[in-house]
């Protein structure tokens, strides 16, 4: 859950609309490893995961 929170922060603060759009994230490495789906955390109008 900590990683979910960290990866979603740029979306939460309005810097990007999708998690995958933040270039400085470890999210990209974890997608390549199969930990996250590339569309996790939003995309195409669906925000997907919204941490509290």
Protein backbone atom coordinates (compact mmCIF):
# COMPACT_ATOMS: atom_id res chain seq x y z
CA UNK A 1 0.00 0.00 0.00
CA UNK A 2 2.92 2.34 0.59
CA UNK A 3 4.05 1.99 -3.00
CA UNK A 4 0.48 2.55 -4.23
CA UNK A 5 0.34 5.78 -2.24
CA UNK A 6 3.70 6.97 -3.59
CA UNK A 7 2.89 6.13 -7.18
CA UNK A 8 -0.52 7.82 -7.06
CA UNK A 9 0.67 11.09 -5.47
CA UNK A 10 1.45 12.92 -8.76
CA UNK A 11 -2.12 12.21 -9.91
CA UNK A 12 -3.60 13.21 -6.56
CA UNK A 13 -1.80 16.56 -6.69
CA UNK A 14 -2.83 17.22 -10.29
CA UNK A 15 0.64 17.06 -11.85
CA UNK A 16 -0.42 14.29 -14.27
CA UNK A 17 -3.69 12.59 -15.15
CA UNK A 18 -2.29 9.03 -15.20
CA UNK A 19 0.31 7.36 -12.98
CA UNK A 20 2.27 6.25 -16.04
CA UNK A 21 2.70 9.88 -17.15
CA UNK A 22 5.00 10.77 -14.22
CA UNK A 23 8.51 10.17 -15.64
CA UNK A 24 10.35 10.15 -12.28
CA UNK A 25 8.51 7.19 -10.79
CA UNK A 26 9.70 3.68 -9.97
CA UNK A 27 6.28 2.69 -11.31
CA UNK A 28 7.79 2.15 -14.77
CA UNK A 29 10.33 -0.35 -13.46
CA UNK A 30 7.62 -2.22 -11.55
CA UNK A 31 5.43 -2.38 -14.67
CA UNK A 32 8.37 -3.95 -16.53
CA UNK A 33 8.71 -6.49 -13.69
CA UNK A 34 4.99 -7.35 -13.87
CA UNK A 35 4.09 -5.94 -10.45
CA UNK A 36 1.67 -3.33 -11.82
CA UNK A 37 -0.40 -3.17 -14.98
CA UNK A 38 0.57 -0.22 -17.19
CA UNK A 39 -2.92 1.29 -16.85
CA UNK A 40 -2.97 1.03 -13.05
CA UNK A 41 -4.01 4.26 -11.39
CA UNK A 42 -5.97 5.73 -14.24
CA UNK A 43 -6.16 6.14 -17.91
CA UNK A 44 -8.70 6.74 -20.62
CA UNK A 45 -11.07 8.53 -18.25
CA UNK A 46 -10.96 5.87 -15.52
CA UNK A 47 -9.03 6.77 -12.39
CA UNK A 48 -8.89 3.13 -11.33
CA UNK A 49 -7.26 3.07 -7.90
CA UNK A 50 -7.94 6.00 -5.59
CA UNK A 51 -6.04 5.76 -2.28
CA UNK A 52 -7.62 7.34 0.75
